[in-house]
Amino acid sequence: MAANARLRQARQVFEWTQGDLAHRMIEAAKARGIRLGALGTLKGLICGWEQGKLTVSQTYRELLATVYGSGCRSSPARMCGPSPR
């Protein structure tokens, strides 16, 4: 299964919309002292990741790991795809 499909599947397991995930990522970022862009911008990124059009950066990988638990952190390539270069 491709990384984009795994990201979508992980979100759907929690029965979250892309907006729900975006809200949780914003809260996780705030807790770490990271300021993210607007909610709509983040939803657009999530959509791009899930469609395989965008690569997940290291910062967002870490936030996804925080939101989803250790699954992405322990094996980022498994859920988020290979690290961007």
Protein backbone atom coordinates (compact mmCIF):
# COMPACT_ATOMS: atom_id res chain seq x y z
CA MET A 1 0.00 0.00 0.00
CA ALA A 2 1.35 3.43 -0.94
CA ALA A 3 2.26 5.95 1.76
CA ASN A 4 -0.58 8.28 0.77
CA ALA A 5 -3.12 5.48 1.17
CA ARG A 6 -1.66 4.58 4.57
CA LEU A 7 -1.98 8.18 5.72
CA ARG A 8 -5.63 8.28 4.63
CA GLN A 9 -6.31 4.88 6.21
CA ALA A 10 -4.73 5.97 9.52
CA ARG A 11 -7.01 9.02 9.63
CA GLN A 12 -10.06 6.97 8.75
CA VAL A 13 -9.32 4.40 11.48
CA PHE A 14 -9.86 7.23 13.97
CA GLU A 15 -12.99 8.27 12.03
CA TRP A 16 -11.57 11.77 11.59
CA THR A 17 -12.18 14.17 8.77
CA GLN A 18 -9.22 16.01 7.30
CA GLY A 19 -10.41 18.99 9.34
CA ASP A 20 -10.35 16.92 12.54
CA LEU A 21 -6.78 15.84 11.82
CA ALA A 22 -5.79 19.43 11.03
CA HIS A 23 -7.20 20.65 14.36
CA ARG A 24 -5.31 17.93 16.25
CA MET A 25 -2.09 18.76 14.41
CA ILE A 26 -2.48 22.45 15.26
CA GLU A 27 -2.94 21.59 18.94
CA ALA A 28 0.08 19.26 18.87
CA ALA A 29 2.14 22.01 17.22
CA LYS A 30 1.07 24.58 19.82
CA ALA A 31 2.12 22.20 22.61
CA ARG A 32 5.58 22.00 21.00
CA GLY A 33 5.84 25.73 20.43
CA ILE A 34 5.43 25.40 16.65
CA ARG A 35 3.20 27.80 14.78
CA LEU A 36 1.41 26.35 11.77
CA GLY A 37 -0.44 28.14 9.02
CA ALA A 38 -4.19 28.55 8.77
CA LEU A 39 -6.55 25.61 9.19
CA GLY A 40 -7.50 25.69 5.51
CA THR A 41 -3.86 25.60 4.45
CA LEU A 42 -3.19 22.59 6.65
CA LYS A 43 -6.28 20.81 5.30
CA GLY A 44 -4.89 21.42 1.81
CA LEU A 45 -1.58 19.86 2.81
CA ILE A 46 -3.33 16.82 4.28
CA CYS A 47 -5.32 16.45 1.07
CA GLY A 48 -2.13 16.68 -0.99
CA TRP A 49 -0.37 14.09 1.17
CA GLU A 50 -3.29 11.69 0.93
CA GLN A 51 -3.48 12.11 -2.84
CA GLY A 52 0.26 11.54 -3.18
CA LYS A 53 0.80 15.00 -4.66
CA LEU A 54 2.89 16.36 -1.76
CA THR A 55 5.66 14.92 0.40
CA VAL A 56 5.33 15.07 4.18
CA SER A 57 8.14 17.18 5.68
CA GLN A 58 10.00 16.15 8.82
CA THR A 59 8.12 18.65 11.00
CA TYR A 60 4.76 17.35 9.84
CA ARG A 61 5.94 13.74 10.19
CA GLU A 62 6.69 14.46 13.83
CA LEU A 63 3.31 16.11 14.35
CA LEU A 64 1.54 13.18 12.70
CA ALA A 65 3.47 10.84 14.98
CA THR A 66 2.33 12.85 17.99
CA VAL A 67 -1.29 12.88 16.86
CA TYR A 68 -1.46 9.21 15.84
CA GLY A 69 0.88 7.81 18.46
CA SER A 70 4.12 5.98 17.84
CA GLY A 71 3.16 4.21 14.59
CA CYS A 72 4.53 6.91 12.31
CA ARG A 73 7.48 7.77 14.54
CA SER A 74 8.69 4.19 14.88
CA SER A 75 8.48 3.62 11.15
CA PRO A 76 8.05 6.94 9.33
CA ALA A 77 8.51 5.34 5.93
CA ARG A 78 5.72 2.88 6.69
CA MET A 79 3.07 5.55 7.22
CA CYS A 80 4.49 8.76 5.80
CA GLY A 81 6.61 7.47 2.96
CA PRO A 82 10.34 7.94 2.49
CA SER A 83 11.99 11.00 4.00
CA PRO A 84 12.18 14.01 1.71
CA ARG A 85 15.68 14.88 0.54
